[in-house]
Amino acid sequence: MQWDRLAFGVKESVYQAWFPLARCWLGFLDAALTIHPLRRTFHARPFDAGHVLDGRLITAMTGRWSVEGCLIVTSVAVEAPVTALPHGGAVTAVPRTSTICRL
């Protein structure tokens, strides 16, 4: 396993999910990262105080990773706010970000 490439893919997925919410840069030294090899998950906690999304404070992001052949795939999903529809219903979109790195 090439841990440096996994760390890069995780950072990219977290950044791509973080930036639209926070509208600020998130570099390699701006977050604590924990990788769980057996569960193939990761947890990223930006050192920033967090940002509010739909009334909720976002202080961390959790994602998944996988290795298949010569590819590493990382993914983060952030629950989007519920949007009211004109006919009285509601819809929730879940923006997802994924990064694929070649080994």
N, C-alpha and C. Protein backbone atom coordinates (compact mmCIF):
# COMPACT_ATOMS: atom_id res chain seq x y z
N MET A 1 0.85 -1.19 0.00
CA MET A 1 0.00 0.00 0.00
C MET A 1 0.89 1.24 0.00
N GLN A 2 0.58 2.16 -0.87
CA GLN A 2 1.34 3.42 -0.94
C GLN A 2 0.56 4.47 -0.15
N TRP A 3 0.92 4.60 1.13
CA TRP A 3 0.19 5.45 2.06
C TRP A 3 0.24 6.92 1.68
N ASP A 4 1.33 7.36 1.04
CA ASP A 4 1.40 8.77 0.64
C ASP A 4 0.35 9.08 -0.43
N ARG A 5 0.11 8.16 -1.32
CA ARG A 5 -0.92 8.38 -2.36
C ARG A 5 -2.32 8.33 -1.77
N LEU A 6 -2.51 7.43 -0.80
CA LEU A 6 -3.81 7.39 -0.12
C LEU A 6 -4.05 8.72 0.61
N ALA A 7 -3.04 9.20 1.32
CA ALA A 7 -3.18 10.48 2.04
C ALA A 7 -3.50 11.61 1.08
N PHE A 8 -2.87 11.62 -0.10
CA PHE A 8 -3.16 12.65 -1.09
C PHE A 8 -4.60 12.55 -1.58
N GLY A 9 -5.06 11.35 -1.88
CA GLY A 9 -6.44 11.16 -2.34
C GLY A 9 -7.46 11.57 -1.28
N VAL A 10 -7.18 11.22 -0.04
CA VAL A 10 -8.06 11.61 1.07
C VAL A 10 -8.11 13.12 1.18
N LYS A 11 -6.94 13.75 1.13
CA LYS A 11 -6.88 15.23 1.23
C LYS A 11 -7.70 15.87 0.10
N GLU A 12 -7.59 15.36 -1.10
CA GLU A 12 -8.33 15.92 -2.23
C GLU A 12 -9.84 15.77 -2.04
N SER A 13 -10.28 14.60 -1.60
CA SER A 13 -11.72 14.39 -1.39
C SER A 13 -12.25 15.31 -0.30
N VAL A 14 -11.49 15.43 0.80
CA VAL A 14 -11.91 16.31 1.89
C VAL A 14 -11.95 17.75 1.41
N TYR A 15 -10.92 18.18 0.70
CA TYR A 15 -10.87 19.57 0.21
C TYR A 15 -12.04 19.85 -0.73
N GLN A 16 -12.33 18.92 -1.64
CA GLN A 16 -13.40 19.14 -2.62
C GLN A 16 -14.77 19.20 -1.94
N ALA A 17 -14.93 18.53 -0.81
CA ALA A 17 -16.18 18.63 -0.07
C ALA A 17 -16.18 19.88 0.83
N TRP A 18 -15.02 20.25 1.37
CA TRP A 18 -14.90 21.36 2.31
C TRP A 18 -15.03 22.73 1.63
N PHE A 19 -14.35 22.91 0.50
CA PHE A 19 -14.28 24.25 -0.11
C PHE A 19 -15.64 24.85 -0.46
N PRO A 20 -16.57 24.12 -1.07
CA PRO A 20 -17.87 24.72 -1.37
C PRO A 20 -18.63 25.16 -0.12
N LEU A 21 -18.37 24.52 1.01
CA LEU A 21 -19.04 24.88 2.26
C LEU A 21 -18.37 26.07 2.93
N ALA A 22 -17.04 26.03 3.00
CA ALA A 22 -16.29 27.01 3.77
C ALA A 22 -15.77 28.18 2.94
N ARG A 23 -15.61 27.95 1.64
CA ARG A 23 -15.04 28.97 0.74
C ARG A 23 -13.67 29.44 1.23
N CYS A 24 -12.89 28.49 1.77
CA CYS A 24 -11.53 28.81 2.18
C CYS A 24 -10.62 27.61 1.91
N TRP A 25 -9.34 27.89 1.74
CA TRP A 25 -8.32 26.90 1.45
C TRP A 25 -8.18 25.91 2.61
N LEU A 26 -7.92 24.67 2.30
CA LEU A 26 -7.64 23.66 3.30
C LEU A 26 -6.41 22.90 2.82
N GLY A 27 -5.26 23.20 3.42
CA GLY A 27 -4.00 22.58 3.01
C GLY A 27 -3.70 21.32 3.79
N PHE A 28 -2.56 20.68 3.47
CA PHE A 28 -2.16 19.43 4.13
C PHE A 28 -1.99 19.61 5.63
N LEU A 29 -1.54 20.78 6.07
CA LEU A 29 -1.27 21.00 7.50
C LEU A 29 -2.45 21.63 8.23
N ASP A 30 -3.60 21.75 7.57
CA ASP A 30 -4.76 22.42 8.15
C ASP A 30 -5.80 21.48 8.75
N ALA A 31 -5.49 20.18 8.78
CA ALA A 31 -6.45 19.22 9.31
C ALA A 31 -5.72 18.01 9.90
N ALA A 32 -6.35 17.40 10.89
CA ALA A 32 -5.85 16.14 11.44
C ALA A 32 -6.53 15.01 10.68
N LEU A 33 -5.77 14.03 10.26
CA LEU A 33 -6.29 12.93 9.45
C LEU A 33 -6.03 11.61 10.16
N THR A 34 -7.07 10.80 10.28
CA THR A 34 -6.94 9.46 10.84
C THR A 34 -7.44 8.47 9.78
N ILE A 35 -6.57 7.53 9.43
CA ILE A 35 -6.93 6.50 8.45
C ILE A 35 -7.11 5.18 9.20
N HIS A 36 -8.23 4.51 8.95
CA HIS A 36 -8.54 3.22 9.57
C HIS A 36 -8.37 2.13 8.50
N PRO A 37 -7.20 1.47 8.47
CA PRO A 37 -6.91 0.50 7.40
C PRO A 37 -7.87 -0.69 7.34
N LEU A 38 -8.27 -1.24 8.46
CA LEU A 38 -9.13 -2.43 8.42
C LEU A 38 -10.54 -2.10 7.97
N ARG A 39 -11.04 -0.94 8.36
CA ARG A 39 -12.40 -0.53 7.96
C ARG A 39 -12.41 0.19 6.62
N ARG A 40 -11.23 0.57 6.15
CA ARG A 40 -11.09 1.34 4.90
C ARG A 40 -11.91 2.63 4.95
N THR A 41 -11.78 3.31 6.07
CA THR A 41 -12.43 4.60 6.26
C THR A 41 -11.39 5.60 6.72
N PHE A 42 -11.77 6.87 6.73
CA PHE A 42 -10.89 7.92 7.26
C PHE A 42 -11.74 9.00 7.90
N HIS A 43 -11.10 9.76 8.75
CA HIS A 43 -11.76 10.85 9.46
C HIS A 43 -10.83 12.06 9.38
N ALA A 44 -11.34 13.18 8.91
CA ALA A 44 -10.56 14.41 8.81
C ALA A 44 -11.21 15.49 9.66
N ARG A 45 -10.41 16.12 10.51
CA ARG A 45 -10.90 17.19 11.37
C ARG A 45 -10.09 18.44 11.10
N PRO A 46 -10.65 19.39 10.31
CA PRO A 46 -9.94 20.64 10.06
C PRO A 46 -9.72 21.40 11.37
N PHE A 47 -8.57 22.05 11.48
CA PHE A 47 -8.26 22.82 12.69
C PHE A 47 -9.08 24.10 12.77
N ASP A 48 -9.69 24.50 11.65
CA ASP A 48 -10.59 25.65 11.63
C ASP A 48 -11.76 25.37 12.58
N ALA A 49 -12.38 26.39 13.09
CA ALA A 49 -13.47 26.24 14.06
C ALA A 49 -14.69 25.53 13.47
N GLY A 50 -14.78 25.42 12.17
CA GLY A 50 -15.93 24.78 11.55
C GLY A 50 -16.82 25.80 10.87
N HIS A 51 -17.74 25.31 10.08
CA HIS A 51 -18.65 26.17 9.33
C HIS A 51 -20.06 25.63 9.48
N VAL A 52 -21.03 26.52 9.40
CA VAL A 52 -22.43 26.15 9.59
C VAL A 52 -23.05 25.83 8.23
N LEU A 53 -23.71 24.69 8.14
CA LEU A 53 -24.44 24.28 6.94
C LEU A 53 -25.83 23.88 7.38
N ASP A 54 -26.83 24.61 6.94
CA ASP A 54 -28.22 24.31 7.26
C ASP A 54 -28.42 24.20 8.78
N GLY A 55 -27.77 25.12 9.52
CA GLY A 55 -27.93 25.16 10.96
C GLY A 55 -27.06 24.18 11.72
N ARG A 56 -26.26 23.37 11.02
CA ARG A 56 -25.39 22.39 11.67
C ARG A 56 -23.94 22.83 11.53
N LEU A 57 -23.17 22.69 12.59
CA LEU A 57 -21.75 23.02 12.55
C LEU A 57 -20.98 21.84 11.99
N ILE A 58 -20.26 22.06 10.90
CA ILE A 58 -19.44 21.02 10.27
C ILE A 58 -18.03 21.15 10.84
N THR A 59 -17.61 20.20 11.66
CA THR A 59 -16.29 20.24 12.28
C THR A 59 -15.39 19.09 11.82
N ALA A 60 -15.96 18.11 11.12
CA ALA A 60 -15.17 16.97 10.66
C ALA A 60 -15.87 16.32 9.48
N MET A 61 -15.12 15.51 8.75
CA MET A 61 -15.66 14.77 7.62
C MET A 61 -15.15 13.34 7.69
N THR A 62 -16.01 12.42 7.35
CA THR A 62 -15.66 11.01 7.34
C THR A 62 -15.87 10.49 5.92
N GLY A 63 -14.98 9.60 5.50
CA GLY A 63 -15.10 9.06 4.15
C GLY A 63 -14.62 7.62 4.09
N ARG A 64 -14.61 7.12 2.88
CA ARG A 64 -14.20 5.74 2.63
C ARG A 64 -13.11 5.74 1.57
N TRP A 65 -12.34 4.67 1.57
CA TRP A 65 -11.33 4.49 0.53
C TRP A 65 -11.27 3.02 0.14
N SER A 66 -10.77 2.79 -1.07
CA SER A 66 -10.65 1.43 -1.58
C SER A 66 -9.46 1.37 -2.54
N VAL A 67 -8.87 0.21 -2.65
CA VAL A 67 -7.79 -0.03 -3.60
C VAL A 67 -8.22 -1.18 -4.49
N GLU A 68 -8.12 -0.98 -5.78
CA GLU A 68 -8.47 -2.02 -6.75
C GLU A 68 -7.43 -1.98 -7.85
N GLY A 69 -6.63 -3.03 -7.95
CA GLY A 69 -5.57 -3.04 -8.95
C GLY A 69 -4.59 -1.91 -8.69
N CYS A 70 -4.43 -1.04 -9.68
CA CYS A 70 -3.49 0.07 -9.54
C CYS A 70 -4.22 1.39 -9.24
N LEU A 71 -5.46 1.33 -8.75
CA LEU A 71 -6.21 2.55 -8.44
C LEU A 71 -6.54 2.63 -6.96
N ILE A 72 -6.47 3.87 -6.43
CA ILE A 72 -6.96 4.17 -5.09
C ILE A 72 -8.14 5.11 -5.28
N VAL A 73 -9.27 4.79 -4.66
CA VAL A 73 -10.45 5.65 -4.75
C VAL A 73 -10.78 6.12 -3.34
N THR A 74 -10.98 7.44 -3.19
CA THR A 74 -11.39 8.01 -1.91
C THR A 74 -12.68 8.79 -2.13
N SER A 75 -13.52 8.84 -1.10
CA SER A 75 -14.81 9.50 -1.26
C SER A 75 -15.28 10.09 0.07
N VAL A 76 -15.89 11.27 -0.02
CA VAL A 76 -16.52 11.94 1.13
C VAL A 76 -17.91 12.35 0.68
N ALA A 77 -18.91 12.18 1.54
CA ALA A 77 -20.26 12.66 1.26
C ALA A 77 -20.67 13.60 2.38
N VAL A 78 -21.24 14.74 2.00
CA VAL A 78 -21.74 15.72 2.96
C VAL A 78 -23.23 15.86 2.71
N GLU A 79 -24.01 15.68 3.76
CA GLU A 79 -25.46 15.81 3.60
C GLU A 79 -25.81 17.25 3.28
N ALA A 80 -26.58 17.41 2.22
CA ALA A 80 -27.00 18.75 1.80
C ALA A 80 -28.25 19.17 2.56
N PRO A 81 -28.50 20.47 2.62
CA PRO A 81 -29.72 20.93 3.28
C PRO A 81 -30.96 20.47 2.51
N VAL A 82 -32.05 20.34 3.20
CA VAL A 82 -33.33 19.96 2.58
C VAL A 82 -33.88 21.17 1.85
N THR A 83 -34.29 20.97 0.62
CA THR A 83 -34.84 22.05 -0.20
C THR A 83 -36.34 21.82 -0.39
N ALA A 84 -37.13 22.83 -0.09
CA ALA A 84 -38.59 22.73 -0.25
C ALA A 84 -38.94 22.80 -1.73
N LEU A 85 -39.87 21.97 -2.14
CA LEU A 85 -40.36 21.97 -3.51
C LEU A 85 -41.66 22.77 -3.57
N PRO A 86 -42.00 23.33 -4.74
CA PRO A 86 -43.19 24.16 -4.85
C PRO A 86 -44.49 23.45 -4.49
N HIS A 87 -44.59 22.14 -4.71
CA HIS A 87 -45.85 21.42 -4.43
C HIS A 87 -45.93 20.92 -2.99
N GLY A 88 -45.03 21.39 -2.13
CA GLY A 88 -45.09 21.04 -0.72
C GLY A 88 -44.18 19.91 -0.30
N GLY A 89 -43.55 19.25 -1.24
CA GLY A 89 -42.62 18.17 -0.90
C GLY A 89 -41.25 18.73 -0.57
N ALA A 90 -40.32 17.87 -0.36
CA ALA A 90 -38.95 18.29 -0.07
C ALA A 90 -37.99 17.30 -0.71
N VAL A 91 -36.81 17.76 -1.00
CA VAL A 91 -35.77 16.91 -1.58
C VAL A 91 -34.45 17.24 -0.89
N THR A 92 -33.66 16.21 -0.69
CA THR A 92 -32.32 16.39 -0.14
C THR A 92 -31.32 15.86 -1.16
N ALA A 93 -30.44 16.72 -1.60
CA ALA A 93 -29.37 16.30 -2.51
C ALA A 93 -28.14 16.01 -1.67
N VAL A 94 -27.41 14.97 -2.01
CA VAL A 94 -26.20 14.64 -1.28
C VAL A 94 -25.01 14.81 -2.22
N PRO A 95 -24.32 15.97 -2.10
CA PRO A 95 -23.15 16.14 -2.96
C PRO A 95 -22.05 15.19 -2.51
N ARG A 96 -21.41 14.57 -3.45
CA ARG A 96 -20.34 13.63 -3.14
C ARG A 96 -19.10 14.07 -3.90
N THR A 97 -17.95 13.81 -3.31
CA THR A 97 -16.71 14.05 -4.00
C THR A 97 -15.89 12.79 -3.95
N SER A 98 -15.24 12.47 -5.04
CA SER A 98 -14.39 11.30 -5.10
C SER A 98 -13.10 11.67 -5.80
N THR A 99 -12.04 11.01 -5.43
CA THR A 99 -10.75 11.20 -6.08
C THR A 99 -10.21 9.83 -6.43
N ILE A 100 -9.66 9.70 -7.62
CA ILE A 100 -9.04 8.45 -8.05
C ILE A 100 -7.56 8.73 -8.33
N CYS A 101 -6.69 7.97 -7.72
CA CYS A 101 -5.24 8.11 -7.91
C CYS A 101 -4.70 6.80 -8.47
N ARG A 102 -3.86 6.89 -9.47
CA ARG A 102 -3.22 5.70 -10.02
C ARG A 102 -1.97 5.40 -9.19
N LEU A 103 -1.80 4.11 -8.82
CA LEU A 103 -0.62 3.70 -8.04
C LEU A 103 0.63 3.75 -8.88
